[in-house]
Amino acid sequence: MTISRRQARRQALFLLYQWDLSGQPIGSQYAEEIDPWARSVAEAVAGRAGDLDARVTAAAEGWTADRLGAVERSALRVAVHELETDEVPAEVAISEAVAFTKRYASEDGARLVNGILGRIQREEAA
């Protein structure tokens, strides 16, 4: 199965969302075929969830990663992973995380995700 990078990123986000809510292995509850890139991103992010959550918490100014919803937390984890690995331009990582959160959570959640990722991006640029 070949899908676009955007579709694969969203698939990775869904895989992480399911993992975060259920505690089950990545992909065990996903009904469709899983793109290899999406699986590798989801597994890499799940393996570093604690470190990624620490980065989010440090940038969240009063929020901790465990207080965020699973959609916001998954979007932030993937975006921070992408910012750290330079797999995609920072603008793409941030805009995809915000769009995903806005679509599947809320406008307020999307603003929160955008603010946290903006702080993390500025820290990395400094």
PDB file of N, CA and C in Angstrom:
ATOM      1  N   MET A   1       0.847  -1.178   0.000  1.00  0.00           N
ATOM      2  CA  MET A   1       0.000   0.000   0.000  1.00  0.00           C
ATOM      3  C   MET A   1       0.892   1.240   0.000  1.00  0.00           C
ATOM      4  N   THR A   2       0.621   2.151  -0.919  1.00  0.00           N
ATOM      5  CA  THR A   2       1.348   3.408  -0.970  1.00  0.00           C
ATOM      6  C   THR A   2       0.354   4.542  -0.762  1.00  0.00           C
ATOM      7  N   ILE A   3       0.644   5.368   0.235  1.00  0.00           N
ATOM      8  CA  ILE A   3      -0.195   6.525   0.499  1.00  0.00           C
ATOM      9  C   ILE A   3       0.710   7.746   0.620  1.00  0.00           C
ATOM     10  N   SER A   4       0.117   8.915   0.544  1.00  0.00           N
ATOM     11  CA  SER A   4       0.904  10.141   0.644  1.00  0.00           C
ATOM     12  C   SER A   4       1.485  10.276   2.050  1.00  0.00           C
ATOM     13  N   ARG A   5       2.495  11.112   2.180  1.00  0.00           N
ATOM     14  CA  ARG A   5       3.108  11.349   3.486  1.00  0.00           C
ATOM     15  C   ARG A   5       2.094  11.959   4.448  1.00  0.00           C
ATOM     16  N   ARG A   6       1.234  12.836   3.954  1.00  0.00           N
ATOM     17  CA  ARG A   6       0.207  13.432   4.806  1.00  0.00           C
ATOM     18  C   ARG A   6      -0.743  12.350   5.331  1.00  0.00           C
ATOM     19  N   GLN A   7      -1.174  11.447   4.459  1.00  0.00           N
ATOM     20  CA  GLN A   7      -2.051  10.360   4.889  1.00  0.00           C
ATOM     21  C   GLN A   7      -1.324   9.451   5.883  1.00  0.00           C
ATOM     22  N   ALA A   8      -0.054   9.189   5.630  1.00  0.00           N
ATOM     23  CA  ALA A   8       0.723   8.333   6.527  1.00  0.00           C
ATOM     24  C   ALA A   8       0.904   8.992   7.890  1.00  0.00           C
ATOM     25  N   ARG A   9       1.125  10.307   7.914  1.00  0.00           N
ATOM     26  CA  ARG A   9       1.257  11.020   9.185  1.00  0.00           C
ATOM     27  C   ARG A   9      -0.046  10.916   9.971  1.00  0.00           C
ATOM     28  N   ARG A  10      -1.161  11.092   9.293  1.00  0.00           N
ATOM     29  CA  ARG A  10      -2.453  10.993   9.985  1.00  0.00           C
ATOM     30  C   ARG A  10      -2.703   9.570  10.470  1.00  0.00           C
ATOM     31  N   GLN A  11      -2.269   8.604   9.694  1.00  0.00           N
ATOM     32  CA  GLN A  11      -2.394   7.222  10.146  1.00  0.00           C
ATOM     33  C   GLN A  11      -1.541   6.992  11.395  1.00  0.00           C
ATOM     34  N   ALA A  12      -0.332   7.534  11.405  1.00  0.00           N
ATOM     35  CA  ALA A  12       0.537   7.422  12.587  1.00  0.00           C
ATOM     36  C   ALA A  12      -0.129   8.075  13.791  1.00  0.00           C
ATOM     37  N   LEU A  13      -0.769   9.218  13.584  1.00  0.00           N
ATOM     38  CA  LEU A  13      -1.466   9.899  14.670  1.00  0.00           C
ATOM     39  C   LEU A  13      -2.611   9.044  15.212  1.00  0.00           C
ATOM     40  N   PHE A  14      -3.364   8.413  14.335  1.00  0.00           N
ATOM     41  CA  PHE A  14      -4.447   7.537  14.792  1.00  0.00           C
ATOM     42  C   PHE A  14      -3.900   6.329  15.542  1.00  0.00           C
ATOM     43  N   LEU A  15      -2.806   5.762  15.037  1.00  0.00           N
ATOM     44  CA  LEU A  15      -2.187   4.626  15.724  1.00  0.00           C
ATOM     45  C   LEU A  15      -1.767   5.018  17.142  1.00  0.00           C
ATOM     46  N   LEU A  16      -1.154   6.183  17.273  1.00  0.00           N
ATOM     47  CA  LEU A  16      -0.725   6.662  18.591  1.00  0.00           C
ATOM     48  C   LEU A  16      -1.911   6.987  19.488  1.00  0.00           C
ATOM     49  N   TYR A  17      -2.945   7.549  18.910  1.00  0.00           N
ATOM     50  CA  TYR A  17      -4.150   7.854  19.671  1.00  0.00           C
ATOM     51  C   TYR A  17      -4.733   6.566  20.259  1.00  0.00           C
ATOM     52  N   GLN A  18      -4.859   5.538  19.421  1.00  0.00           N
ATOM     53  CA  GLN A  18      -5.384   4.258  19.901  1.00  0.00           C
ATOM     54  C   GLN A  18      -4.478   3.656  20.962  1.00  0.00           C
ATOM     55  N   TRP A  19      -3.190   3.735  20.746  1.00  0.00           N
ATOM     56  CA  TRP A  19      -2.213   3.203  21.708  1.00  0.00           C
ATOM     57  C   TRP A  19      -2.326   3.944  23.039  1.00  0.00           C
ATOM     58  N   ASP A  20      -2.427   5.271  22.964  1.00  0.00           N
ATOM     59  CA  ASP A  20      -2.497   6.098  24.165  1.00  0.00           C
ATOM     60  C   ASP A  20      -3.756   5.773  24.982  1.00  0.00           C
ATOM     61  N   LEU A  21      -4.868   5.591  24.313  1.00  0.00           N
ATOM     62  CA  LEU A  21      -6.125   5.321  25.015  1.00  0.00           C
ATOM     63  C   LEU A  21      -6.222   3.890  25.537  1.00  0.00           C
ATOM     64  N   SER A  22      -5.708   2.952  24.751  1.00  0.00           N
ATOM     65  CA  SER A  22      -5.927   1.544  25.091  1.00  0.00           C
ATOM     66  C   SER A  22      -4.761   0.871  25.800  1.00  0.00           C
ATOM     67  N   GLY A  23      -3.552   1.367  25.573  1.00  0.00           N
ATOM     68  CA  GLY A  23      -2.377   0.701  26.115  1.00  0.00           C
ATOM     69  C   GLY A  23      -2.007  -0.562  25.351  1.00  0.00           C
ATOM     70  N   GLN A  24      -2.728  -0.851  24.269  1.00  0.00           N
ATOM     71  CA  GLN A  24      -2.462  -2.026  23.445  1.00  0.00           C
ATOM     72  C   GLN A  24      -1.313  -1.731  22.467  1.00  0.00           C
ATOM     73  N   PRO A  25      -0.670  -2.771  21.945  1.00  0.00           N
ATOM     74  CA  PRO A  25       0.429  -2.550  20.993  1.00  0.00           C
ATOM     75  C   PRO A  25      -0.016  -1.710  19.787  1.00  0.00           C
ATOM     76  N   ILE A  26       0.932  -0.963  19.244  1.00  0.00           N
ATOM     77  CA  ILE A  26       0.678  -0.120  18.069  1.00  0.00           C
ATOM     78  C   ILE A  26       0.066  -0.969  16.957  1.00  0.00           C
ATOM     79  N   GLY A  27      -1.046  -0.496  16.436  1.00  0.00           N
ATOM     80  CA  GLY A  27      -1.686  -1.144  15.292  1.00  0.00           C
ATOM     81  C   GLY A  27      -2.599  -2.306  15.629  1.00  0.00           C
ATOM     82  N   SER A  28      -2.633  -2.742  16.868  1.00  0.00           N
ATOM     83  CA  SER A  28      -3.435  -3.918  17.200  1.00  0.00           C
ATOM     84  C   SER A  28      -4.936  -3.666  17.070  1.00  0.00           C
ATOM     85  N   GLN A  29      -5.348  -2.415  17.121  1.00  0.00           N
ATOM     86  CA  GLN A  29      -6.771  -2.093  17.013  1.00  0.00           C
ATOM     87  C   GLN A  29      -7.107  -1.378  15.709  1.00  0.00           C
ATOM     88  N   TYR A  30      -6.155  -1.294  14.817  1.00  0.00           N
ATOM     89  CA  TYR A  30      -6.358  -0.585  13.552  1.00  0.00           C
ATOM     90  C   TYR A  30      -6.843  -1.578  12.507  1.00  0.00           C
ATOM     91  N   ALA A  31      -7.979  -1.300  11.870  1.00  0.00           N
ATOM     92  CA  ALA A  31      -8.624  -2.261  10.981  1.00  0.00           C
ATOM     93  C   ALA A  31      -8.024  -2.294   9.572  1.00  0.00           C
ATOM     94  N   GLU A  32      -7.380  -1.232   9.142  1.00  0.00           N
ATOM     95  CA  GLU A  32      -6.867  -1.150   7.778  1.00  0.00           C
ATOM     96  C   GLU A  32      -5.397  -1.550   7.712  1.00  0.00           C
ATOM     97  N   GLU A  33      -4.898  -1.683   6.477  1.00  0.00           N
ATOM     98  CA  GLU A  33      -3.478  -1.949   6.284  1.00  0.00           C
ATOM     99  C   GLU A  33      -2.687  -0.733   6.759  1.00  0.00           C
ATOM    100  N   ILE A  34      -1.566  -0.981   7.416  1.00  0.00           N
ATOM    101  CA  ILE A  34      -0.770   0.104   7.980  1.00  0.00           C
ATOM    102  C   ILE A  34       0.424   0.395   7.080  1.00  0.00           C
ATOM    103  N   ASP A  35       0.564   1.654   6.733  1.00  0.00           N
ATOM    104  CA  ASP A  35       1.705   2.111   5.940  1.00  0.00           C
ATOM    105  C   ASP A  35       2.985   1.908   6.743  1.00  0.00           C
ATOM    106  N   PRO A  36       4.047   1.387   6.133  1.00  0.00           N
ATOM    107  CA  PRO A  36       5.293   1.143   6.875  1.00  0.00           C
ATOM    108  C   PRO A  36       5.883   2.406   7.518  1.00  0.00           C
ATOM    109  N   TRP A  37       5.840   3.538   6.819  1.00  0.00           N
ATOM    110  CA  TRP A  37       6.362   4.783   7.394  1.00  0.00           C
ATOM    111  C   TRP A  37       5.531   5.195   8.600  1.00  0.00           C
ATOM    112  N   ALA A  38       4.205   5.071   8.495  1.00  0.00           N
ATOM    113  CA  ALA A  38       3.328   5.429   9.614  1.00  0.00           C
ATOM    114  C   ALA A  38       3.631   4.555  10.823  1.00  0.00           C
ATOM    115  N   ARG A  39       3.821   3.264  10.603  1.00  0.00           N
ATOM    116  CA  ARG A  39       4.133   2.363  11.709  1.00  0.00           C
ATOM    117  C   ARG A  39       5.469   2.731  12.341  1.00  0.00           C
ATOM    118  N   SER A  40       6.474   3.030  11.511  1.00  0.00           N
ATOM    119  CA  SER A  40       7.794   3.342  12.073  1.00  0.00           C
ATOM    120  C   SER A  40       7.750   4.636  12.889  1.00  0.00           C
ATOM    121  N   VAL A  41       7.007   5.630  12.431  1.00  0.00           N
ATOM    122  CA  VAL A  41       6.870   6.881  13.185  1.00  0.00           C
ATOM    123  C   VAL A  41       6.118   6.621  14.487  1.00  0.00           C
ATOM    124  N   ALA A  42       5.009   5.903  14.402  1.00  0.00           N
ATOM    125  CA  ALA A  42       4.215   5.622  15.603  1.00  0.00           C
ATOM    126  C   ALA A  42       5.037   4.849  16.628  1.00  0.00           C
ATOM    127  N   GLU A  43       5.792   3.863  16.192  1.00  0.00           N
ATOM    128  CA  GLU A  43       6.606   3.081  17.125  1.00  0.00           C
ATOM    129  C   GLU A  43       7.739   3.911  17.717  1.00  0.00           C
ATOM    130  N   ALA A  44       8.356   4.754  16.889  1.00  0.00           N
ATOM    131  CA  ALA A  44       9.426   5.625  17.393  1.00  0.00           C
ATOM    132  C   ALA A  44       8.884   6.607  18.427  1.00  0.00           C
ATOM    133  N   VAL A  45       7.734   7.191  18.143  1.00  0.00           N
ATOM    134  CA  VAL A  45       7.134   8.148  19.063  1.00  0.00           C
ATOM    135  C   VAL A  45       6.685   7.450  20.345  1.00  0.00           C
ATOM    136  N   ALA A  46       6.061   6.297  20.231  1.00  0.00           N
ATOM    137  CA  ALA A  46       5.620   5.561  21.425  1.00  0.00           C
ATOM    138  C   ALA A  46       6.824   5.191  22.295  1.00  0.00           C
ATOM    139  N   GLY A  47       7.926   4.826  21.668  1.00  0.00           N
ATOM    140  CA  GLY A  47       9.127   4.473  22.407  1.00  0.00           C
ATOM    141  C   GLY A  47       9.753   5.645  23.141  1.00  0.00           C
ATOM    142  N   ARG A  48       9.488   6.853  22.680  1.00  0.00           N
ATOM    143  CA  ARG A  48      10.041   8.062  23.289  1.00  0.00           C
ATOM    144  C   ARG A  48       8.971   8.913  23.962  1.00  0.00           C
ATOM    145  N   ALA A  49       7.811   8.360  24.201  1.00  0.00           N
ATOM    146  CA  ALA A  49       6.678   9.149  24.704  1.00  0.00           C
ATOM    147  C   ALA A  49       7.037   9.936  25.959  1.00  0.00           C
ATOM    148  N   GLY A  50       7.748   9.339  26.881  1.00  0.00           N
ATOM    149  CA  GLY A  50       8.113  10.043  28.108  1.00  0.00           C
ATOM    150  C   GLY A  50       8.981  11.257  27.848  1.00  0.00           C
ATOM    151  N   ASP A  51       9.986  11.110  26.987  1.00  0.00           N
ATOM    152  CA  ASP A  51      10.865  12.237  26.645  1.00  0.00           C
ATOM    153  C   ASP A  51      10.097  13.324  25.889  1.00  0.00           C
ATOM    154  N   LEU A  52       9.244  12.902  24.958  1.00  0.00           N
ATOM    155  CA  LEU A  52       8.460  13.875  24.195  1.00  0.00           C
ATOM    156  C   LEU A  52       7.482  14.613  25.107  1.00  0.00           C
ATOM    157  N   ASP A  53       6.870  13.891  26.041  1.00  0.00           N
ATOM    158  CA  ASP A  53       5.958  14.534  26.982  1.00  0.00           C
ATOM    159  C   ASP A  53       6.694  15.534  27.869  1.00  0.00           C
ATOM    160  N   ALA A  54       7.919  15.233  28.229  1.00  0.00           N
ATOM    161  CA  ALA A  54       8.716  16.168  29.033  1.00  0.00           C
ATOM    162  C   ALA A  54       8.964  17.460  28.250  1.00  0.00           C
ATOM    163  N   ARG A  55       9.249  17.348  26.955  1.00  0.00           N
ATOM    164  CA  ARG A  55       9.440  18.553  26.123  1.00  0.00           C
ATOM    165  C   ARG A  55       8.154  19.361  26.037  1.00  0.00           C
ATOM    166  N   VAL A  56       7.043  18.669  25.863  1.00  0.00           N
ATOM    167  CA  VAL A  56       5.748  19.338  25.779  1.00  0.00           C
ATOM    168  C   VAL A  56       5.439  20.044  27.096  1.00  0.00           C
ATOM    169  N   THR A  57       5.629  19.354  28.199  1.00  0.00           N
ATOM    170  CA  THR A  57       5.344  19.926  29.510  1.00  0.00           C
ATOM    171  C   THR A  57       6.208  21.158  29.763  1.00  0.00           C
ATOM    172  N   ALA A  58       7.483  21.105  29.397  1.00  0.00           N
ATOM    173  CA  ALA A  58       8.386  22.243  29.595  1.00  0.00           C
ATOM    174  C   ALA A  58       7.940  23.465  28.789  1.00  0.00           C
ATOM    175  N   ALA A  59       7.356  23.225  27.617  1.00  0.00           N
ATOM    176  CA  ALA A  59       6.949  24.330  26.746  1.00  0.00           C
ATOM    177  C   ALA A  59       5.504  24.766  26.977  1.00  0.00           C
ATOM    178  N   ALA A  60       4.749  24.013  27.766  1.00  0.00           N
ATOM    179  CA  ALA A  60       3.310  24.249  27.870  1.00  0.00           C
ATOM    180  C   ALA A  60       2.906  25.309  28.888  1.00  0.00           C
ATOM    181  N   GLU A  61       3.843  25.824  29.654  1.00  0.00           N
ATOM    182  CA  GLU A  61       3.556  26.901  30.605  1.00  0.00           C
ATOM    183  C   GLU A  61       2.339  26.596  31.477  1.00  0.00           C
ATOM    184  N   GLY A  62       2.497  25.641  32.360  1.00  0.00           N
ATOM    185  CA  GLY A  62       1.437  25.333  33.305  1.00  0.00           C
ATOM    186  C   GLY A  62       0.651  24.081  32.992  1.00  0.00           C
ATOM    187  N   TRP A  63       0.720  23.605  31.776  1.00  0.00           N
ATOM    188  CA  TRP A  63       0.038  22.366  31.411  1.00  0.00           C
ATOM    189  C   TRP A  63       1.047  21.231  31.455  1.00  0.00           C
ATOM    190  N   THR A  64       0.603  20.078  31.835  1.00  0.00           N
ATOM    191  CA  THR A  64       1.444  18.890  31.713  1.00  0.00           C
ATOM    192  C   THR A  64       0.865  18.023  30.614  1.00  0.00           C
ATOM    193  N   ALA A  65       1.713  17.248  29.978  1.00  0.00           N
ATOM    194  CA  ALA A  65       1.269  16.423  28.860  1.00  0.00           C
ATOM    195  C   ALA A  65       0.135  15.487  29.265  1.00  0.00           C
ATOM    196  N   ASP A  66       0.145  15.016  30.508  1.00  0.00           N
ATOM    197  CA  ASP A  66      -0.914  14.091  30.924  1.00  0.00           C
ATOM    198  C   ASP A  66      -2.258  14.784  31.139  1.00  0.00           C
ATOM    199  N   ARG A  67      -2.288  16.105  31.179  1.00  0.00           N
ATOM    200  CA  ARG A  67      -3.550  16.847  31.299  1.00  0.00           C
ATOM    201  C   ARG A  67      -4.176  17.124  29.935  1.00  0.00           C
ATOM    202  N   LEU A  68      -3.429  16.915  28.881  1.00  0.00           N
ATOM    203  CA  LEU A  68      -3.946  17.136  27.538  1.00  0.00           C
ATOM    204  C   LEU A  68      -4.788  15.944  27.108  1.00  0.00           C
ATOM    205  N   GLY A  69      -5.685  16.170  26.173  1.00  0.00           N
ATOM    206  CA  GLY A  69      -6.451  15.074  25.598  1.00  0.00           C
ATOM    207  C   GLY A  69      -5.557  14.194  24.746  1.00  0.00           C
ATOM    208  N   ALA A  70      -6.007  12.988  24.471  1.00  0.00           N
ATOM    209  CA  ALA A  70      -5.209  12.039  23.691  1.00  0.00           C
ATOM    210  C   ALA A  70      -4.944  12.540  22.276  1.00  0.00           C
ATOM    211  N   VAL A  71      -5.880  13.269  21.683  1.00  0.00           N
ATOM    212  CA  VAL A  71      -5.660  13.811  20.340  1.00  0.00           C
ATOM    213  C   VAL A  71      -4.538  14.841  20.380  1.00  0.00           C
ATOM    214  N   GLU A  72      -4.640  15.792  21.309  1.00  0.00           N
ATOM    215  CA  GLU A  72      -3.619  16.825  21.416  1.00  0.00           C
ATOM    216  C   GLU A  72      -2.255  16.224  21.739  1.00  0.00           C
ATOM    217  N   ARG A  73      -2.237  15.287  22.673  1.00  0.00           N
ATOM    218  CA  ARG A  73      -0.983  14.659  23.086  1.00  0.00           C
ATOM    219  C   ARG A  73      -0.344  13.911  21.915  1.00  0.00           C
ATOM    220  N   SER A  74      -1.131  13.186  21.150  1.00  0.00           N
ATOM    221  CA  SER A  74      -0.596  12.444  20.001  1.00  0.00           C
ATOM    222  C   SER A  74      -0.064  13.394  18.938  1.00  0.00           C
ATOM    223  N   ALA A  75      -0.826  14.449  18.648  1.00  0.00           N
ATOM    224  CA  ALA A  75      -0.382  15.425  17.646  1.00  0.00           C
ATOM    225  C   ALA A  75       0.908  16.101  18.079  1.00  0.00           C
ATOM    226  N   LEU A  76       1.003  16.464  19.347  1.00  0.00           N
ATOM    227  CA  LEU A  76       2.214  17.101  19.859  1.00  0.00           C
ATOM    228  C   LEU A  76       3.406  16.147  19.816  1.00  0.00           C
ATOM    229  N   ARG A  77       3.204  14.909  20.209  1.00  0.00           N
ATOM    230  CA  ARG A  77       4.312  13.943  20.203  1.00  0.00           C
ATOM    231  C   ARG A  77       4.878  13.763  18.794  1.00  0.00           C
ATOM    232  N   VAL A  78       3.987  13.589  17.805  1.00  0.00           N
ATOM    233  CA  VAL A  78       4.463  13.402  16.432  1.00  0.00           C
ATOM    234  C   VAL A  78       5.172  14.657  15.941  1.00  0.00           C
ATOM    235  N   ALA A  79       4.598  15.814  16.187  1.00  0.00           N
ATOM    236  CA  ALA A  79       5.211  17.059  15.717  1.00  0.00           C
ATOM    237  C   ALA A  79       6.562  17.309  16.372  1.00  0.00           C
ATOM    238  N   VAL A  80       6.676  17.089  17.667  1.00  0.00           N
ATOM    239  CA  VAL A  80       7.967  17.288  18.341  1.00  0.00           C
ATOM    240  C   VAL A  80       8.989  16.303  17.788  1.00  0.00           C
ATOM    241  N   HIS A  81       8.578  15.068  17.570  1.00  0.00           N
ATOM    242  CA  HIS A  81       9.470  14.070  16.959  1.00  0.00           C
ATOM    243  C   HIS A  81       9.947  14.569  15.591  1.00  0.00           C
ATOM    244  N   GLU A  82       9.017  15.090  14.783  1.00  0.00           N
ATOM    245  CA  GLU A  82       9.389  15.598  13.457  1.00  0.00           C
ATOM    246  C   GLU A  82      10.287  16.824  13.557  1.00  0.00           C
ATOM    247  N   LEU A  83      10.031  17.696  14.519  1.00  0.00           N
ATOM    248  CA  LEU A  83      10.898  18.867  14.693  1.00  0.00           C
ATOM    249  C   LEU A  83      12.313  18.436  15.086  1.00  0.00           C
ATOM    250  N   GLU A  84      12.415  17.443  15.930  1.00  0.00           N
ATOM    251  CA  GLU A  84      13.731  16.984  16.388  1.00  0.00           C
ATOM    252  C   GLU A  84      14.500  16.230  15.314  1.00  0.00           C
ATOM    253  N   THR A  85      13.790  15.506  14.460  1.00  0.00           N
ATOM    254  CA  THR A  85      14.466  14.684  13.449  1.00  0.00           C
ATOM    255  C   THR A  85      14.621  15.394  12.114  1.00  0.00           C
ATOM    256  N   ASP A  86      14.007  16.559  11.968  1.00  0.00           N
ATOM    257  CA  ASP A  86      14.056  17.319  10.710  1.00  0.00           C
ATOM    258  C   ASP A  86      13.560  16.508   9.518  1.00  0.00           C
ATOM    259  N   GLU A  87      12.589  15.610   9.747  1.00  0.00           N
ATOM    260  CA  GLU A  87      12.032  14.808   8.648  1.00  0.00           C
ATOM    261  C   GLU A  87      11.234  15.658   7.680  1.00  0.00           C
ATOM    262  N   VAL A  88      10.606  16.696   8.206  1.00  0.00           N
ATOM    263  CA  VAL A  88       9.822  17.614   7.385  1.00  0.00           C
ATOM    264  C   VAL A  88      10.126  19.027   7.854  1.00  0.00           C
ATOM    265  N   PRO A  89       9.841  20.036   7.023  1.00  0.00           N
ATOM    266  CA  PRO A  89      10.012  21.412   7.493  1.00  0.00           C
ATOM    267  C   PRO A  89       9.159  21.671   8.730  1.00  0.00           C
ATOM    268  N   ALA A  90       9.649  22.514   9.612  1.00  0.00           N
ATOM    269  CA  ALA A  90       8.942  22.829  10.856  1.00  0.00           C
ATOM    270  C   ALA A  90       7.521  23.307  10.585  1.00  0.00           C
ATOM    271  N   GLU A  91       7.337  24.099   9.544  1.00  0.00           N
ATOM    272  CA  GLU A  91       6.009  24.624   9.233  1.00  0.00           C
ATOM    273  C   GLU A  91       5.027  23.494   8.939  1.00  0.00           C
ATOM    274  N   VAL A  92       5.507  22.445   8.268  1.00  0.00           N
ATOM    275  CA  VAL A  92       4.643  21.309   7.938  1.00  0.00           C
ATOM    276  C   VAL A  92       4.295  20.539   9.205  1.00  0.00           C
ATOM    277  N   ALA A  93       5.285  20.266  10.036  1.00  0.00           N
ATOM    278  CA  ALA A  93       5.032  19.534  11.275  1.00  0.00           C
ATOM    279  C   ALA A  93       4.002  20.262  12.136  1.00  0.00           C
ATOM    280  N   ILE A  94       4.166  21.571  12.263  1.00  0.00           N
ATOM    281  CA  ILE A  94       3.256  22.355  13.099  1.00  0.00           C
ATOM    282  C   ILE A  94       1.866  22.449  12.471  1.00  0.00           C
ATOM    283  N   SER A  95       1.794  22.775  11.187  1.00  0.00           N
ATOM    284  CA  SER A  95       0.473  22.947  10.561  1.00  0.00           C
ATOM    285  C   SER A  95      -0.298  21.638  10.527  1.00  0.00           C
ATOM    286  N   GLU A  96       0.366  20.510  10.323  1.00  0.00           N
ATOM    287  CA  GLU A  96      -0.319  19.218  10.325  1.00  0.00           C
ATOM    288  C   GLU A  96      -0.843  18.883  11.721  1.00  0.00           C
ATOM    289  N   ALA A  97      -0.045  19.152  12.747  1.00  0.00           N
ATOM    290  CA  ALA A  97      -0.493  18.881  14.117  1.00  0.00           C
ATOM    291  C   ALA A  97      -1.692  19.748  14.477  1.00  0.00           C
ATOM    292  N   VAL A  98      -1.647  21.009  14.094  1.00  0.00           N
ATOM    293  CA  VAL A  98      -2.747  21.924  14.388  1.00  0.00           C
ATOM    294  C   VAL A  98      -4.004  21.502  13.627  1.00  0.00           C
ATOM    295  N   ALA A  99      -3.869  21.182  12.342  1.00  0.00           N
ATOM    296  CA  ALA A  99      -5.030  20.780  11.540  1.00  0.00           C
ATOM    297  C   ALA A  99      -5.656  19.498  12.083  1.00  0.00           C
ATOM    298  N   PHE A 100      -4.832  18.534  12.461  1.00  0.00           N
ATOM    299  CA  PHE A 100      -5.329  17.279  13.009  1.00  0.00           C
ATOM    300  C   PHE A 100      -6.097  17.531  14.305  1.00  0.00           C
ATOM    301  N   THR A 101      -5.524  18.355  15.169  1.00  0.00           N
ATOM    302  CA  THR A 101      -6.168  18.655  16.449  1.00  0.00           C
ATOM    303  C   THR A 101      -7.473  19.404  16.247  1.00  0.00           C
ATOM    304  N   LYS A 102      -7.457  20.362  15.348  1.00  0.00           N
ATOM    305  CA  LYS A 102      -8.665  21.139  15.076  1.00  0.00           C
ATOM    306  C   LYS A 102      -9.778  20.231  14.557  1.00  0.00           C
ATOM    307  N   ARG A 103      -9.424  19.299  13.684  1.00  0.00           N
ATOM    308  CA  ARG A 103     -10.424  18.419  13.077  1.00  0.00           C
ATOM    309  C   ARG A 103     -10.971  17.388  14.057  1.00  0.00           C
ATOM    310  N   TYR A 104     -10.083  16.817  14.888  1.00  0.00           N
ATOM    311  CA  TYR A 104     -10.504  15.691  15.722  1.00  0.00           C
ATOM    312  C   TYR A 104     -10.682  16.030  17.200  1.00  0.00           C
ATOM    313  N   ALA A 105     -10.326  17.245  17.598  1.00  0.00           N
ATOM    314  CA  ALA A 105     -10.513  17.641  19.000  1.00  0.00           C
ATOM    315  C   ALA A 105     -11.315  18.935  19.033  1.00  0.00           C
ATOM    316  N   SER A 106     -10.625  20.071  19.008  1.00  0.00           N
ATOM    317  CA  SER A 106     -11.340  21.351  19.098  1.00  0.00           C
ATOM    318  C   SER A 106     -10.466  22.495  18.612  1.00  0.00           C
ATOM    319  N   GLU A 107     -11.101  23.616  18.379  1.00  0.00           N
ATOM    320  CA  GLU A 107     -10.385  24.846  18.011  1.00  0.00           C
ATOM    321  C   GLU A 107      -9.451  25.265  19.152  1.00  0.00           C
ATOM    322  N   ASP A 108      -9.935  25.186  20.391  1.00  0.00           N
ATOM    323  CA  ASP A 108      -9.100  25.535  21.544  1.00  0.00           C
ATOM    324  C   ASP A 108      -7.889  24.613  21.650  1.00  0.00           C
ATOM    325  N   GLY A 109      -8.107  23.337  21.429  1.00  0.00           N
ATOM    326  CA  GLY A 109      -6.998  22.382  21.453  1.00  0.00           C
ATOM    327  C   GLY A 109      -5.976  22.702  20.375  1.00  0.00           C
ATOM    328  N   ALA A 110      -6.459  23.088  19.204  1.00  0.00           N
ATOM    329  CA  ALA A 110      -5.559  23.437  18.101  1.00  0.00           C
ATOM    330  C   ALA A 110      -4.720  24.665  18.445  1.00  0.00           C
ATOM    331  N   ARG A 111      -5.336  25.652  19.092  1.00  0.00           N
ATOM    332  CA  ARG A 111      -4.576  26.845  19.502  1.00  0.00           C
ATOM    333  C   ARG A 111      -3.507  26.475  20.534  1.00  0.00           C
ATOM    334  N   LEU A 112      -3.871  25.613  21.470  1.00  0.00           N
ATOM    335  CA  LEU A 112      -2.914  25.164  22.478  1.00  0.00           C
ATOM    336  C   LEU A 112      -1.743  24.431  21.828  1.00  0.00           C
ATOM    337  N   VAL A 113      -2.030  23.521  20.907  1.00  0.00           N
ATOM    338  CA  VAL A 113      -0.995  22.778  20.195  1.00  0.00           C
ATOM    339  C   VAL A 113      -0.099  23.740  19.428  1.00  0.00           C
ATOM    340  N   ASN A 114      -0.688  24.702  18.749  1.00  0.00           N
ATOM    341  CA  ASN A 114       0.089  25.683  17.984  1.00  0.00           C
ATOM    342  C   ASN A 114       1.021  26.476  18.901  1.00  0.00           C
ATOM    343  N   GLY A 115       0.520  26.910  20.049  1.00  0.00           N
ATOM    344  CA  GLY A 115       1.346  27.676  20.980  1.00  0.00           C
ATOM    345  C   GLY A 115       2.505  26.865  21.537  1.00  0.00           C
ATOM    346  N   ILE A 116       2.242  25.640  21.922  1.00  0.00           N
ATOM    347  CA  ILE A 116       3.302  24.781  22.472  1.00  0.00           C
ATOM    348  C   ILE A 116       4.362  24.507  21.421  1.00  0.00           C
ATOM    349  N   LEU A 117       3.930  24.158  20.212  1.00  0.00           N
ATOM    350  CA  LEU A 117       4.902  23.858  19.152  1.00  0.00           C
ATOM    351  C   LEU A 117       5.680  25.099  18.741  1.00  0.00           C
ATOM    352  N   GLY A 118       5.029  26.262  18.759  1.00  0.00           N
ATOM    353  CA  GLY A 118       5.742  27.501  18.467  1.00  0.00           C
ATOM    354  C   GLY A 118       6.861  27.760  19.457  1.00  0.00           C
ATOM    355  N   ARG A 119       6.593  27.526  20.740  1.00  0.00           N
ATOM    356  CA  ARG A 119       7.640  27.694  21.767  1.00  0.00           C
ATOM    357  C   ARG A 119       8.775  26.712  21.545  1.00  0.00           C
ATOM    358  N   ILE A 120       8.439  25.470  21.258  1.00  0.00           N
ATOM    359  CA  ILE A 120       9.479  24.457  21.036  1.00  0.00           C
ATOM    360  C   ILE A 120      10.317  24.816  19.810  1.00  0.00           C
ATOM    361  N   GLN A 121       9.669  25.270  18.759  1.00  0.00           N
ATOM    362  CA  GLN A 121      10.407  25.671  17.544  1.00  0.00           C
ATOM    363  C   GLN A 121      11.325  26.841  17.830  1.00  0.00           C
ATOM    364  N   ARG A 122      10.856  27.822  18.581  1.00  0.00           N
ATOM    365  CA  ARG A 122      11.717  28.976  18.918  1.00  0.00           C
ATOM    366  C   ARG A 122      12.900  28.552  19.769  1.00  0.00           C
ATOM    367  N   GLU A 123      12.685  27.626  20.701  1.00  0.00           N
ATOM    368  CA  GLU A 123      13.794  27.119  21.529  1.00  0.00           C
ATOM    369  C   GLU A 123      14.847  26.438  20.663  1.00  0.00           C
ATOM    370  N   GLU A 124      14.405  25.662  19.684  1.00  0.00           N
ATOM    371  CA  GLU A 124      15.354  24.962  18.827  1.00  0.00           C
ATOM    372  C   GLU A 124      16.104  25.923  17.923  1.00  0.00           C
ATOM    373  N   ALA A 125      15.450  27.013  17.529  1.00  0.00           N
ATOM    374  CA  ALA A 125      16.099  28.000  16.651  1.00  0.00           C
ATOM    375  C   ALA A 125      17.122  28.839  17.413  1.00  0.00           C
ATOM    376  N   ALA A 126      16.945  28.958  18.728  1.00  0.00           N
ATOM    377  CA  ALA A 126      17.840  29.804  19.534  1.00  0.00           C
ATOM    378  C   ALA A 126      19.191  29.157  19.777  1.00  0.00           C
TER     379      ALA A 126
END
